[in-house]
Amino acid sequence: MFHANSLLAASALQQSSRCPWFPVLQVASPNCGLSRVRTEASGPAVGKISESVSLTCHISGVAITDSSYAWDWIRQTPGKELQHLVMQYPFTQLQHIAAPFQTRVNSSADPSRNQLWLQLLSPAAADTATYFCSMRELEKGTVLETQAGPAQNWKEGL
């Protein structure tokens, strides 16, 4: 068995200008007030080794097709740093899967339901982790430079 804990814990991810992953984010709305954007992951807490597992992320407070945001799947294995799995851009229908996971996960988006999915293909005990879906805010005209590696090494380019 492996554990795919898909709970979001706001305290588990540091919310600062240096960390682009936000399980809960305050964003300005058109009427100059703040609205709450929330990501909520769900899925089985325990899965069987080698049997695919699907996780769902429902986003509320903003459309996943809003070009101001990219959406991420991240995991944290016990005692280790965050690992970035997938970055999705539903507004362009593009995604980037980190090199170590390209043959091990599938990812998709459904704008009509405002949901993202992550499928772990043939998971092993080493895939025991807390899985997060999160968002990153993109500035107009920003080009993202991505590189495979720990979450802390993913950065915004010029």
N, C-alpha and C. Protein backbone atom coordinates (compact mmCIF):
# COMPACT_ATOMS: atom_id res chain seq x y z
N MET A 1 0.83 -1.18 0.00
CA MET A 1 0.00 0.00 0.00
C MET A 1 0.87 1.25 0.00
N PHE A 2 0.35 2.29 -0.60
CA PHE A 2 0.99 3.59 -0.51
C PHE A 2 -0.07 4.57 -0.09
N HIS A 3 0.35 5.68 0.49
CA HIS A 3 -0.59 6.68 0.98
C HIS A 3 -0.54 7.89 0.08
N ALA A 4 -1.69 8.27 -0.48
CA ALA A 4 -1.80 9.46 -1.33
C ALA A 4 -2.68 10.45 -0.61
N ASN A 5 -2.16 11.04 0.42
CA ASN A 5 -2.92 12.00 1.21
C ASN A 5 -3.12 13.26 0.37
N SER A 6 -4.35 13.53 -0.01
CA SER A 6 -4.61 14.66 -0.91
C SER A 6 -5.17 15.87 -0.18
N LEU A 7 -4.95 15.94 1.11
CA LEU A 7 -5.47 17.08 1.88
C LEU A 7 -4.61 18.31 1.66
N LEU A 8 -5.24 19.47 1.64
CA LEU A 8 -4.49 20.72 1.55
C LEU A 8 -4.34 21.29 2.94
N ALA A 9 -3.14 21.66 3.27
CA ALA A 9 -2.88 22.30 4.56
C ALA A 9 -2.19 23.62 4.29
N ALA A 10 -2.89 24.71 4.53
CA ALA A 10 -2.34 26.03 4.22
C ALA A 10 -1.01 26.25 4.93
N SER A 11 -0.85 25.72 6.12
CA SER A 11 0.40 25.93 6.84
C SER A 11 1.55 25.11 6.26
N ALA A 12 1.24 24.12 5.43
CA ALA A 12 2.30 23.27 4.87
C ALA A 12 3.09 23.97 3.78
N LEU A 13 2.52 24.98 3.16
CA LEU A 13 3.21 25.73 2.12
C LEU A 13 3.41 27.15 2.58
N GLN A 14 4.63 27.60 2.55
CA GLN A 14 4.92 28.97 2.98
C GLN A 14 4.36 29.95 1.96
N GLN A 15 3.58 30.91 2.41
CA GLN A 15 3.00 31.90 1.52
C GLN A 15 3.82 33.17 1.60
N SER A 16 4.72 33.33 0.64
CA SER A 16 5.55 34.53 0.59
C SER A 16 5.81 34.86 -0.86
N SER A 17 6.41 36.00 -1.12
CA SER A 17 6.69 36.39 -2.50
C SER A 17 7.75 35.48 -3.12
N ARG A 18 8.50 34.75 -2.32
CA ARG A 18 9.52 33.85 -2.85
C ARG A 18 8.94 32.48 -3.20
N CYS A 19 7.78 32.15 -2.72
CA CYS A 19 7.18 30.84 -2.97
C CYS A 19 5.92 31.03 -3.82
N PRO A 20 5.92 30.54 -5.07
CA PRO A 20 4.78 30.80 -5.94
C PRO A 20 3.58 29.89 -5.74
N TRP A 21 3.58 28.98 -4.78
CA TRP A 21 2.47 28.06 -4.60
C TRP A 21 1.55 28.54 -3.49
N PHE A 22 0.29 28.69 -3.81
CA PHE A 22 -0.67 29.23 -2.86
C PHE A 22 -1.90 28.34 -2.79
N PRO A 23 -2.08 27.55 -1.72
CA PRO A 23 -3.30 26.77 -1.62
C PRO A 23 -4.52 27.67 -1.42
N VAL A 24 -4.34 28.81 -0.81
CA VAL A 24 -5.41 29.80 -0.67
C VAL A 24 -4.77 31.15 -0.96
N LEU A 25 -5.38 31.94 -1.80
CA LEU A 25 -4.79 33.21 -2.21
C LEU A 25 -5.85 34.29 -2.23
N GLN A 26 -5.51 35.47 -1.76
CA GLN A 26 -6.40 36.62 -1.87
C GLN A 26 -6.07 37.34 -3.16
N VAL A 27 -7.05 37.56 -4.00
CA VAL A 27 -6.81 38.28 -5.26
C VAL A 27 -7.79 39.43 -5.37
N ALA A 28 -7.36 40.47 -6.06
CA ALA A 28 -8.23 41.64 -6.23
C ALA A 28 -9.34 41.30 -7.22
N SER A 29 -10.54 41.69 -6.92
CA SER A 29 -11.66 41.50 -7.83
C SER A 29 -11.91 42.82 -8.56
N PRO A 30 -12.70 42.80 -9.66
CA PRO A 30 -12.93 44.02 -10.42
C PRO A 30 -13.48 45.19 -9.60
N ASN A 31 -14.21 44.89 -8.53
CA ASN A 31 -14.77 45.99 -7.74
C ASN A 31 -13.80 46.45 -6.64
N CYS A 32 -12.52 46.11 -6.79
CA CYS A 32 -11.44 46.53 -5.88
C CYS A 32 -11.51 45.87 -4.51
N GLY A 33 -12.39 44.93 -4.32
CA GLY A 33 -12.39 44.17 -3.07
C GLY A 33 -11.54 42.93 -3.25
N LEU A 34 -11.39 42.16 -2.18
CA LEU A 34 -10.63 40.92 -2.28
C LEU A 34 -11.60 39.76 -2.34
N SER A 35 -11.29 38.79 -3.19
CA SER A 35 -12.10 37.58 -3.25
C SER A 35 -11.20 36.40 -2.92
N ARG A 36 -11.75 35.38 -2.39
CA ARG A 36 -10.97 34.22 -1.97
C ARG A 36 -10.93 33.19 -3.10
N VAL A 37 -9.72 32.84 -3.50
CA VAL A 37 -9.52 31.77 -4.46
C VAL A 37 -9.08 30.56 -3.67
N ARG A 38 -9.74 29.44 -3.88
CA ARG A 38 -9.44 28.25 -3.08
C ARG A 38 -9.25 27.05 -4.00
N THR A 39 -8.24 26.24 -3.68
CA THR A 39 -8.06 24.96 -4.35
C THR A 39 -8.34 23.87 -3.33
N GLU A 40 -9.03 22.84 -3.75
CA GLU A 40 -9.37 21.74 -2.85
C GLU A 40 -9.13 20.43 -3.56
N ALA A 41 -8.16 19.66 -3.06
CA ALA A 41 -7.84 18.37 -3.66
C ALA A 41 -8.63 17.28 -2.96
N SER A 42 -9.00 16.26 -3.72
CA SER A 42 -9.69 15.12 -3.13
C SER A 42 -9.26 13.86 -3.87
N GLY A 43 -9.39 12.76 -3.20
CA GLY A 43 -9.03 11.47 -3.77
C GLY A 43 -8.85 10.48 -2.64
N PRO A 44 -8.49 9.25 -2.99
CA PRO A 44 -8.34 8.23 -1.95
C PRO A 44 -7.15 8.54 -1.04
N ALA A 45 -7.27 8.19 0.23
CA ALA A 45 -6.17 8.40 1.17
C ALA A 45 -5.14 7.28 1.06
N VAL A 46 -5.57 6.11 0.65
CA VAL A 46 -4.68 4.96 0.52
C VAL A 46 -4.97 4.27 -0.80
N GLY A 47 -3.92 3.87 -1.50
CA GLY A 47 -4.09 3.15 -2.75
C GLY A 47 -3.24 1.89 -2.75
N LYS A 48 -3.51 1.02 -3.70
CA LYS A 48 -2.73 -0.21 -3.83
C LYS A 48 -1.56 0.03 -4.78
N ILE A 49 -0.43 -0.55 -4.43
CA ILE A 49 0.75 -0.43 -5.28
C ILE A 49 0.42 -1.00 -6.65
N SER A 50 0.83 -0.29 -7.66
CA SER A 50 0.69 -0.61 -9.09
C SER A 50 -0.72 -0.40 -9.64
N GLU A 51 -1.68 0.02 -8.82
CA GLU A 51 -3.01 0.36 -9.32
C GLU A 51 -3.13 1.87 -9.42
N SER A 52 -3.44 2.37 -10.61
CA SER A 52 -3.53 3.82 -10.84
C SER A 52 -4.49 4.47 -9.87
N VAL A 53 -4.15 5.69 -9.47
CA VAL A 53 -4.97 6.47 -8.54
C VAL A 53 -5.22 7.84 -9.16
N SER A 54 -6.46 8.33 -9.06
CA SER A 54 -6.79 9.65 -9.59
C SER A 54 -7.10 10.61 -8.45
N LEU A 55 -6.55 11.82 -8.56
CA LEU A 55 -6.83 12.90 -7.61
C LEU A 55 -7.53 14.01 -8.37
N THR A 56 -8.45 14.68 -7.71
CA THR A 56 -9.21 15.78 -8.31
C THR A 56 -8.93 17.06 -7.55
N CYS A 57 -8.83 18.16 -8.28
CA CYS A 57 -8.68 19.47 -7.66
C CYS A 57 -9.80 20.36 -8.16
N HIS A 58 -10.64 20.83 -7.24
CA HIS A 58 -11.71 21.76 -7.61
C HIS A 58 -11.26 23.15 -7.21
N ILE A 59 -11.37 24.08 -8.15
CA ILE A 59 -10.97 25.47 -7.92
C ILE A 59 -12.22 26.32 -7.82
N SER A 60 -12.26 27.18 -6.82
CA SER A 60 -13.38 28.12 -6.71
C SER A 60 -12.81 29.52 -6.54
N GLY A 61 -13.57 30.51 -6.97
CA GLY A 61 -13.16 31.90 -6.84
C GLY A 61 -12.54 32.48 -8.08
N VAL A 62 -12.14 31.63 -9.04
CA VAL A 62 -11.58 32.09 -10.31
C VAL A 62 -11.71 30.94 -11.32
N ALA A 63 -11.91 31.28 -12.58
CA ALA A 63 -11.98 30.25 -13.63
C ALA A 63 -10.58 29.72 -13.92
N ILE A 64 -10.45 28.40 -14.10
CA ILE A 64 -9.13 27.85 -14.39
C ILE A 64 -8.61 28.31 -15.75
N THR A 65 -9.49 28.86 -16.57
CA THR A 65 -9.07 29.37 -17.88
C THR A 65 -8.62 30.82 -17.82
N ASP A 66 -8.62 31.42 -16.64
CA ASP A 66 -8.15 32.80 -16.47
C ASP A 66 -6.65 32.83 -16.78
N SER A 67 -6.25 33.64 -17.74
CA SER A 67 -4.85 33.68 -18.17
C SER A 67 -3.92 34.31 -17.15
N SER A 68 -4.44 34.73 -16.02
CA SER A 68 -3.59 35.30 -14.96
C SER A 68 -2.98 34.21 -14.08
N TYR A 69 -3.39 32.95 -14.28
CA TYR A 69 -2.96 31.89 -13.37
C TYR A 69 -2.50 30.64 -14.11
N ALA A 70 -1.55 29.96 -13.50
CA ALA A 70 -1.16 28.61 -13.88
C ALA A 70 -1.48 27.73 -12.67
N TRP A 71 -1.69 26.46 -12.90
CA TRP A 71 -2.11 25.54 -11.85
C TRP A 71 -1.09 24.43 -11.72
N ASP A 72 -0.81 24.03 -10.50
CA ASP A 72 0.25 23.07 -10.23
C ASP A 72 -0.24 21.88 -9.42
N TRP A 73 0.40 20.74 -9.66
CA TRP A 73 0.31 19.59 -8.78
C TRP A 73 1.70 19.44 -8.16
N ILE A 74 1.73 19.39 -6.84
CA ILE A 74 2.98 19.31 -6.08
C ILE A 74 2.78 18.21 -5.04
N ARG A 75 3.87 17.57 -4.65
CA ARG A 75 3.76 16.59 -3.56
C ARG A 75 4.89 16.78 -2.58
N GLN A 76 4.64 16.30 -1.37
CA GLN A 76 5.69 16.29 -0.36
C GLN A 76 5.72 14.91 0.27
N THR A 77 6.82 14.21 0.05
CA THR A 77 6.99 12.91 0.67
C THR A 77 7.51 13.13 2.09
N PRO A 78 7.21 12.21 3.00
CA PRO A 78 7.60 12.41 4.40
C PRO A 78 9.10 12.69 4.54
N GLY A 79 9.41 13.79 5.24
CA GLY A 79 10.79 14.15 5.51
C GLY A 79 11.56 14.74 4.35
N LYS A 80 10.89 15.03 3.24
CA LYS A 80 11.59 15.56 2.07
C LYS A 80 10.99 16.88 1.63
N GLU A 81 11.68 17.55 0.71
CA GLU A 81 11.21 18.83 0.18
C GLU A 81 10.04 18.62 -0.79
N LEU A 82 9.37 19.71 -1.10
CA LEU A 82 8.30 19.67 -2.09
C LEU A 82 8.86 19.25 -3.44
N GLN A 83 8.06 18.48 -4.19
CA GLN A 83 8.41 18.09 -5.55
C GLN A 83 7.32 18.59 -6.48
N HIS A 84 7.73 19.22 -7.54
CA HIS A 84 6.78 19.72 -8.53
C HIS A 84 6.50 18.61 -9.53
N LEU A 85 5.22 18.30 -9.76
CA LEU A 85 4.85 17.25 -10.70
C LEU A 85 4.42 17.83 -12.05
N VAL A 86 3.42 18.72 -12.00
CA VAL A 86 2.81 19.23 -13.23
C VAL A 86 2.47 20.70 -13.07
N MET A 87 2.68 21.47 -14.12
CA MET A 87 2.19 22.85 -14.20
C MET A 87 1.26 22.89 -15.41
N GLN A 88 0.03 23.35 -15.21
CA GLN A 88 -0.97 23.40 -16.27
C GLN A 88 -1.38 24.83 -16.57
N TYR A 89 -1.64 25.07 -17.85
CA TYR A 89 -2.16 26.35 -18.34
C TYR A 89 -3.46 26.05 -19.09
N PRO A 90 -4.58 25.87 -18.39
CA PRO A 90 -5.82 25.52 -19.09
C PRO A 90 -6.25 26.53 -20.14
N PHE A 91 -5.85 27.80 -19.99
CA PHE A 91 -6.25 28.80 -20.96
C PHE A 91 -5.56 28.59 -22.30
N THR A 92 -4.46 27.84 -22.33
CA THR A 92 -3.78 27.52 -23.59
C THR A 92 -3.82 26.03 -23.89
N GLN A 93 -4.35 25.25 -22.99
CA GLN A 93 -4.40 23.80 -23.08
C GLN A 93 -3.01 23.17 -23.10
N LEU A 94 -2.04 23.87 -22.52
CA LEU A 94 -0.67 23.36 -22.42
C LEU A 94 -0.39 22.93 -20.99
N GLN A 95 0.60 22.06 -20.85
CA GLN A 95 1.04 21.65 -19.53
C GLN A 95 2.51 21.27 -19.60
N HIS A 96 3.15 21.30 -18.45
CA HIS A 96 4.54 20.86 -18.34
C HIS A 96 4.59 19.82 -17.23
N ILE A 97 5.06 18.63 -17.55
CA ILE A 97 5.24 17.58 -16.55
C ILE A 97 6.73 17.49 -16.26
N ALA A 98 7.10 17.56 -14.99
CA ALA A 98 8.51 17.49 -14.60
C ALA A 98 9.11 16.17 -15.09
N ALA A 99 10.34 16.23 -15.55
CA ALA A 99 11.01 15.09 -16.18
C ALA A 99 10.90 13.78 -15.40
N PRO A 100 11.10 13.76 -14.08
CA PRO A 100 11.03 12.48 -13.37
C PRO A 100 9.64 11.84 -13.38
N PHE A 101 8.62 12.60 -13.75
CA PHE A 101 7.25 12.09 -13.67
C PHE A 101 6.58 11.93 -15.04
N GLN A 102 7.30 12.19 -16.13
CA GLN A 102 6.67 12.21 -17.45
C GLN A 102 6.03 10.89 -17.84
N THR A 103 6.54 9.78 -17.38
CA THR A 103 5.94 8.48 -17.70
C THR A 103 5.13 7.94 -16.54
N ARG A 104 5.01 8.72 -15.46
CA ARG A 104 4.38 8.22 -14.24
C ARG A 104 3.08 8.90 -13.87
N VAL A 105 2.75 10.02 -14.55
CA VAL A 105 1.51 10.73 -14.25
C VAL A 105 0.82 11.17 -15.54
N ASN A 106 -0.48 11.31 -15.46
CA ASN A 106 -1.29 11.99 -16.48
C ASN A 106 -1.98 13.14 -15.79
N SER A 107 -2.23 14.19 -16.54
CA SER A 107 -2.89 15.35 -15.97
C SER A 107 -3.85 15.92 -17.00
N SER A 108 -4.99 16.41 -16.52
CA SER A 108 -5.95 17.02 -17.44
C SER A 108 -6.74 18.10 -16.70
N ALA A 109 -7.48 18.88 -17.48
CA ALA A 109 -8.30 19.97 -16.93
C ALA A 109 -9.67 19.93 -17.58
N ASP A 110 -10.69 20.31 -16.82
CA ASP A 110 -12.05 20.42 -17.34
C ASP A 110 -12.58 21.80 -16.98
N PRO A 111 -12.46 22.77 -17.91
CA PRO A 111 -12.93 24.12 -17.62
C PRO A 111 -14.41 24.19 -17.27
N SER A 112 -15.24 23.31 -17.84
CA SER A 112 -16.68 23.36 -17.55
C SER A 112 -16.98 23.03 -16.09
N ARG A 113 -16.12 22.26 -15.45
CA ARG A 113 -16.28 21.92 -14.03
C ARG A 113 -15.31 22.69 -13.13
N ASN A 114 -14.40 23.44 -13.76
CA ASN A 114 -13.36 24.17 -13.03
C ASN A 114 -12.53 23.21 -12.18
N GLN A 115 -12.15 22.08 -12.79
CA GLN A 115 -11.42 21.05 -12.08
C GLN A 115 -10.17 20.62 -12.85
N LEU A 116 -9.20 20.14 -12.08
CA LEU A 116 -7.98 19.54 -12.61
C LEU A 116 -7.92 18.11 -12.10
N TRP A 117 -7.25 17.25 -12.86
CA TRP A 117 -7.07 15.87 -12.43
C TRP A 117 -5.60 15.49 -12.53
N LEU A 118 -5.19 14.64 -11.61
CA LEU A 118 -3.86 14.05 -11.65
C LEU A 118 -4.05 12.55 -11.49
N GLN A 119 -3.48 11.79 -12.40
CA GLN A 119 -3.54 10.34 -12.30
C GLN A 119 -2.13 9.82 -12.07
N LEU A 120 -1.95 9.09 -10.98
CA LEU A 120 -0.67 8.45 -10.68
C LEU A 120 -0.71 7.07 -11.32
N LEU A 121 0.20 6.82 -12.24
CA LEU A 121 0.22 5.56 -12.98
C LEU A 121 1.13 4.56 -12.26
N SER A 122 0.60 3.40 -11.95
CA SER A 122 1.36 2.35 -11.27
C SER A 122 2.18 2.87 -10.10
N PRO A 123 1.55 3.48 -9.11
CA PRO A 123 2.31 4.04 -7.99
C PRO A 123 3.04 2.96 -7.19
N ALA A 124 4.15 3.38 -6.60
CA ALA A 124 4.96 2.51 -5.74
C ALA A 124 4.93 3.07 -4.32
N ALA A 125 5.48 2.33 -3.39
CA ALA A 125 5.53 2.80 -2.00
C ALA A 125 6.25 4.15 -1.91
N ALA A 126 7.21 4.39 -2.80
CA ALA A 126 7.95 5.67 -2.80
C ALA A 126 7.07 6.85 -3.17
N ASP A 127 5.87 6.59 -3.68
CA ASP A 127 4.94 7.67 -4.04
C ASP A 127 4.06 8.09 -2.87
N THR A 128 4.29 7.51 -1.70
CA THR A 128 3.58 7.94 -0.50
C THR A 128 3.93 9.40 -0.24
N ALA A 129 2.91 10.26 -0.23
CA ALA A 129 3.15 11.70 -0.11
C ALA A 129 1.84 12.42 0.15
N THR A 130 1.95 13.68 0.52
CA THR A 130 0.80 14.58 0.53
C THR A 130 0.83 15.29 -0.81
N TYR A 131 -0.27 15.22 -1.56
CA TYR A 131 -0.38 15.81 -2.89
C TYR A 131 -1.19 17.09 -2.80
N PHE A 132 -0.66 18.15 -3.38
CA PHE A 132 -1.29 19.47 -3.35
C PHE A 132 -1.64 19.90 -4.76
N CYS A 133 -2.79 20.52 -4.92
CA CYS A 133 -3.02 21.29 -6.14
C CYS A 133 -2.92 22.75 -5.69
N SER A 134 -2.33 23.56 -6.51
CA SER A 134 -2.12 24.95 -6.12
C SER A 134 -2.12 25.83 -7.35
N MET A 135 -2.03 27.12 -7.12
CA MET A 135 -2.04 28.08 -8.23
C MET A 135 -0.83 28.98 -8.13
N ARG A 136 -0.47 29.54 -9.25
CA ARG A 136 0.56 30.58 -9.27
C ARG A 136 0.03 31.72 -10.12
N GLU A 137 0.25 32.93 -9.65
CA GLU A 137 -0.22 34.11 -10.35
C GLU A 137 0.80 34.50 -11.41
N LEU A 138 0.34 34.74 -12.61
CA LEU A 138 1.20 35.16 -13.72
C LEU A 138 0.97 36.64 -13.98
N GLU A 139 2.03 37.37 -14.19
CA GLU A 139 1.89 38.78 -14.55
C GLU A 139 1.71 38.87 -16.05
N LYS A 140 0.98 39.85 -16.50
CA LYS A 140 0.77 40.04 -17.93
C LYS A 140 2.12 40.16 -18.62
N GLY A 141 2.30 39.42 -19.69
CA GLY A 141 3.54 39.47 -20.45
C GLY A 141 4.68 38.67 -19.85
N THR A 142 4.43 37.96 -18.75
CA THR A 142 5.48 37.16 -18.13
C THR A 142 5.64 35.85 -18.89
N VAL A 143 6.88 35.49 -19.14
CA VAL A 143 7.18 34.19 -19.73
C VAL A 143 7.76 33.34 -18.61
N LEU A 144 7.23 32.14 -18.44
CA LEU A 144 7.73 31.29 -17.38
C LEU A 144 8.91 30.47 -17.88
N GLU A 145 9.97 30.48 -17.09
CA GLU A 145 11.10 29.60 -17.36
C GLU A 145 10.96 28.46 -16.37
N THR A 146 10.90 27.25 -16.87
CA THR A 146 10.73 26.11 -15.97
C THR A 146 11.92 25.19 -16.10
N GLN A 147 12.22 24.53 -15.02
CA GLN A 147 13.28 23.53 -15.03
C GLN A 147 12.87 22.42 -14.09
N ALA A 148 13.26 21.20 -14.40
CA ALA A 148 12.90 20.08 -13.55
C ALA A 148 13.71 20.14 -12.27
N GLY A 149 13.13 19.70 -11.19
CA GLY A 149 13.83 19.67 -9.92
C GLY A 149 12.89 19.99 -8.79
N PRO A 150 13.44 20.18 -7.60
CA PRO A 150 12.58 20.50 -6.45
C PRO A 150 11.78 21.77 -6.70
N ALA A 151 10.66 21.85 -6.03
CA ALA A 151 9.75 22.98 -6.24
C ALA A 151 10.45 24.32 -6.08
N GLN A 152 11.41 24.42 -5.18
CA GLN A 152 12.07 25.69 -4.93
C GLN A 152 12.87 26.17 -6.14
N ASN A 153 13.18 25.28 -7.08
CA ASN A 153 13.97 25.66 -8.24
C ASN A 153 13.12 26.11 -9.42
N TRP A 154 11.81 26.02 -9.32
CA TRP A 154 10.94 26.51 -10.39
C TRP A 154 10.83 28.01 -10.21
N LYS A 155 11.00 28.76 -11.27
CA LYS A 155 11.01 30.21 -11.11
C LYS A 155 10.37 30.89 -12.30
N GLU A 156 10.00 32.13 -12.10
CA GLU A 156 9.47 32.94 -13.18
C GLU A 156 10.63 33.61 -13.89
N GLY A 157 10.58 33.61 -15.21
CA GLY A 157 11.63 34.25 -16.00
C GLY A 157 11.26 35.69 -16.30
N LEU A 158 11.99 36.29 -17.21
CA LEU A 158 11.76 37.69 -17.57
C LEU A 158 10.54 37.83 -18.44
